Amino acid sequence: MAVTPHSDSVADPVLPFPSRLGLLLWFVLQWILIPVEFVAKLVWLLMVIFGDGHEDDLMRLLNALARFISPAKLALRLSRNPTKHEAFLDREFTRLAGELERQQFGWRTTIYHFVTLVPTPDGGRLKGVALHPREFRGTPVSVLTRLAHQHHLELDVPTDLRRGVSLRPTHRKTL
C-alpha cells in the first residue's frame, strides 16, 4: 500500500513526539507495572495450560516486555533530535533487513515488533515486520521510506500512522 496524502493532511505525515512528562512517568512506573503484569499473565498462562491452551498465549505474555523503555531509549526519545532518531532507525532497519532476507527473526524482533505474513506477487507468502508507532514517532514518512529503500525494504504505510508501518523484503527479479 503506497502513501497517498489526503487533501486534509500534510504532504509528509509524521506522528508527534510523545510528551516528555509522560515518558518520564512511564519510565518510573514501568519498574512496577511491567513485572506485575508479567506475573499476572504468567499465572493466567499456567491456568490456561492446565485447561485448554492457545498458541498466542506466550506472545501475549511477552507483549508486556515490548513496552519496556531502556535508559538509552528514554534518552533518545527525550532528545527529540531528528538526527539521533534517524540514526537509531537506520541501525534498526539494517538489523531487520538481514532478518527479513533470511526469514529468521531474533528475540528482539519478536518482542519489540510484530512478525506478520505478507503476500508476494507470485502468490506465495513471506514474513514481514510491523513496527509500532512508538518506534518512529517524530520521524516523517519520507525519512522512513528513504531508509527502507536504502536497506532494500518495502514500506507499507496505512492512512492512519497510529496503526504502525510494515516492512517487507523487496521483490527483486533475478536475470
Protein backbone atom coordinates (compact mmCIF):
# COMPACT_ATOMS: atom_id res chain seq x y z
CA MET A 1 0.00 0.00 0.00
CA ALA A 2 1.54 3.28 -1.03
CA VAL A 3 1.39 6.51 0.90
CA THR A 4 -1.08 8.89 -0.63
CA PRO A 5 -1.58 12.09 1.33
CA HIS A 6 -5.18 13.17 1.75
CA SER A 7 -6.24 16.70 0.94
CA ASP A 8 -6.78 17.41 4.64
CA SER A 9 -3.36 16.09 5.70
CA VAL A 10 0.15 17.40 5.32
CA ALA A 11 2.35 16.30 2.43
CA ASP A 12 4.78 14.41 4.68
CA PRO A 13 2.85 12.85 7.58
CA VAL A 14 4.57 12.48 10.94
CA LEU A 15 3.36 11.38 14.35
CA PRO A 16 4.16 13.93 17.03
CA PHE A 17 6.68 13.14 19.73
CA PRO A 18 5.22 11.84 22.99
CA SER A 19 5.20 14.19 25.94
CA ARG A 20 8.38 14.24 27.97
CA LEU A 21 6.43 14.13 31.22
CA GLY A 22 4.55 11.05 30.03
CA LEU A 23 7.80 9.32 29.01
CA LEU A 24 9.41 10.04 32.39
CA LEU A 25 6.29 8.90 34.25
CA TRP A 26 6.16 5.64 32.27
CA PHE A 27 9.90 5.07 32.78
CA VAL A 28 9.42 5.22 36.55
CA LEU A 29 6.15 3.25 36.66
CA GLN A 30 7.32 0.51 34.28
CA TRP A 31 9.55 -0.95 37.01
CA ILE A 32 6.38 -1.74 38.98
CA LEU A 33 3.70 -2.25 36.33
CA ILE A 34 5.56 -4.49 33.86
CA PRO A 35 6.66 -7.09 36.46
CA VAL A 36 3.14 -7.15 37.98
CA GLU A 37 1.59 -7.59 34.53
CA PHE A 38 4.17 -10.24 33.61
CA VAL A 39 3.49 -12.27 36.76
CA ALA A 40 -0.28 -11.92 36.33
CA LYS A 41 -0.07 -13.09 32.71
CA LEU A 42 2.25 -15.95 33.71
CA VAL A 43 -0.25 -17.15 36.32
CA TRP A 44 -3.04 -16.80 33.77
CA LEU A 45 -0.98 -18.73 31.20
CA LEU A 46 -0.33 -21.55 33.65
CA MET A 47 -4.04 -21.74 34.39
CA VAL A 48 -4.80 -21.88 30.66
CA ILE A 49 -2.14 -24.56 30.04
CA PHE A 50 -3.78 -26.85 32.53
CA GLY A 51 -7.07 -26.13 30.78
CA ASP A 52 -7.11 -25.61 27.02
CA GLY A 53 -4.08 -23.51 25.97
CA HIS A 54 -3.68 -21.35 22.88
CA GLU A 55 -0.59 -20.72 20.73
CA ASP A 56 -0.72 -16.94 21.13
CA ASP A 57 -0.63 -17.02 24.93
CA LEU A 58 3.18 -16.87 25.09
CA MET A 59 3.24 -13.87 22.73
CA ARG A 60 0.69 -12.11 24.93
CA LEU A 61 2.96 -12.78 27.87
CA LEU A 62 5.97 -11.29 26.07
CA ASN A 63 3.91 -8.29 24.92
CA ALA A 64 4.31 -6.83 28.41
CA LEU A 65 8.05 -6.63 27.78
CA ALA A 66 7.59 -4.77 24.48
CA ARG A 67 6.59 -1.60 26.31
CA PHE A 68 9.79 -1.53 28.37
CA ILE A 69 11.90 1.59 27.80
CA SER A 70 15.60 1.19 28.47
CA PRO A 71 17.59 4.19 29.73
CA ALA A 72 19.17 4.55 26.26
CA LYS A 73 15.76 4.59 24.53
CA LEU A 74 14.47 7.04 27.12
CA ALA A 75 17.37 9.40 26.39
CA LEU A 76 16.75 9.02 22.64
CA ARG A 77 13.03 9.73 22.92
CA LEU A 78 13.53 12.65 25.30
CA SER A 79 16.12 14.23 23.00
CA ARG A 80 13.66 14.78 20.13
CA ASN A 81 16.71 15.10 17.89
CA PRO A 82 15.79 14.07 14.31
CA THR A 83 19.40 13.08 13.53
CA LYS A 84 19.58 10.70 16.51
CA HIS A 85 16.18 9.20 15.67
CA GLU A 86 17.24 8.66 12.06
CA ALA A 87 20.50 7.01 13.16
CA PHE A 88 18.56 4.70 15.51
CA LEU A 89 16.11 3.76 12.75
CA ASP A 90 19.00 3.20 10.32
CA ARG A 91 20.56 0.67 12.73
CA GLU A 92 17.18 -0.96 13.33
CA PHE A 93 16.42 -1.21 9.59
CA THR A 94 19.89 -2.70 9.00
CA ARG A 95 19.20 -5.42 11.56
CA LEU A 96 15.66 -6.04 10.28
CA ALA A 97 16.80 -6.18 6.63
CA GLY A 98 19.15 -9.05 7.44
CA GLU A 99 16.46 -10.91 9.36
CA LEU A 100 13.88 -10.34 6.61
CA GLU A 101 16.29 -11.58 3.95
CA ARG A 102 16.98 -14.77 5.94
CA GLN A 103 13.33 -15.02 7.07
CA GLN A 104 14.61 -15.84 10.57
CA PHE A 105 13.84 -13.46 13.40
CA GLY A 106 15.63 -12.93 16.69
CA TRP A 107 14.12 -12.40 20.10
CA ARG A 108 14.37 -8.59 19.82
CA THR A 109 12.22 -8.57 16.71
CA THR A 110 9.60 -10.94 18.09
CA ILE A 111 9.30 -8.99 21.35
CA TYR A 112 9.53 -5.36 20.17
CA HIS A 113 7.87 -5.74 16.75
CA PHE A 114 5.20 -7.91 15.19
CA VAL A 115 6.26 -10.57 12.67
CA THR A 116 3.49 -10.88 10.06
CA LEU A 117 2.83 -12.81 6.86
CA VAL A 118 2.70 -10.70 3.69
CA PRO A 119 1.63 -11.92 0.23
CA THR A 120 4.11 -11.87 -2.65
CA PRO A 121 3.29 -11.10 -6.31
CA ASP A 122 3.84 -14.76 -7.27
CA GLY A 123 1.15 -15.92 -4.82
CA GLY A 124 3.47 -17.01 -2.02
CA ARG A 125 3.87 -15.55 1.44
CA LEU A 126 6.87 -14.05 3.18
CA LYS A 127 7.28 -12.83 6.72
CA GLY A 128 7.30 -9.10 7.25
CA VAL A 129 7.74 -6.91 10.32
CA ALA A 130 5.23 -4.39 11.61
CA LEU A 131 6.70 -1.50 13.58
CA HIS A 132 4.75 0.01 16.45
CA PRO A 133 4.32 3.80 16.22
CA ARG A 134 6.45 4.31 19.35
CA GLU A 135 9.48 3.26 17.29
CA PHE A 136 9.16 6.04 14.68
CA ARG A 137 7.38 8.93 16.41
CA GLY A 138 8.70 12.26 15.23
CA THR A 139 10.18 10.81 12.02
CA PRO A 140 8.49 11.85 8.75
CA VAL A 141 7.26 9.15 6.38
CA SER A 142 9.69 10.39 3.71
CA VAL A 143 12.64 9.56 6.01
CA LEU A 144 11.18 6.12 6.80
CA THR A 145 10.71 5.45 3.08
CA ARG A 146 14.26 6.58 2.26
CA LEU A 147 15.74 4.38 4.99
CA ALA A 148 13.66 1.41 3.85
CA HIS A 149 14.84 1.79 0.25
CA GLN A 150 18.47 2.10 1.37
CA HIS A 151 18.13 -1.30 3.05
CA HIS A 152 16.21 -2.87 0.14
CA LEU A 153 12.94 -2.98 2.05
CA GLU A 154 9.43 -2.01 1.06
CA LEU A 155 7.49 0.18 3.46
CA ASP A 156 3.71 -0.15 3.74
CA VAL A 157 2.16 2.87 5.40
CA PRO A 158 -1.54 2.91 6.31
CA THR A 159 -3.55 6.10 6.02
CA ASP A 160 -3.51 6.36 9.83
CA LEU A 161 0.08 6.29 11.13
CA ARG A 162 -1.14 5.36 14.62
CA ARG A 163 -1.65 1.83 13.29
CA GLY A 164 2.10 1.46 12.65
CA VAL A 165 4.01 0.68 9.46
CA SER A 166 5.10 -2.61 7.90
CA LEU A 167 8.42 -3.62 6.39
CA ARG A 168 8.88 -6.44 3.92
CA PRO A 169 11.72 -7.54 1.68
CA THR A 170 11.86 -6.01 -1.79
CA HIS A 171 10.82 -8.42 -4.51
CA ARG A 172 13.81 -8.35 -6.83
CA LYS A 173 13.66 -10.13 -10.15
CA THR A 174 16.71 -12.24 -10.97
CA LEU A 175 18.01 -12.30 -14.52
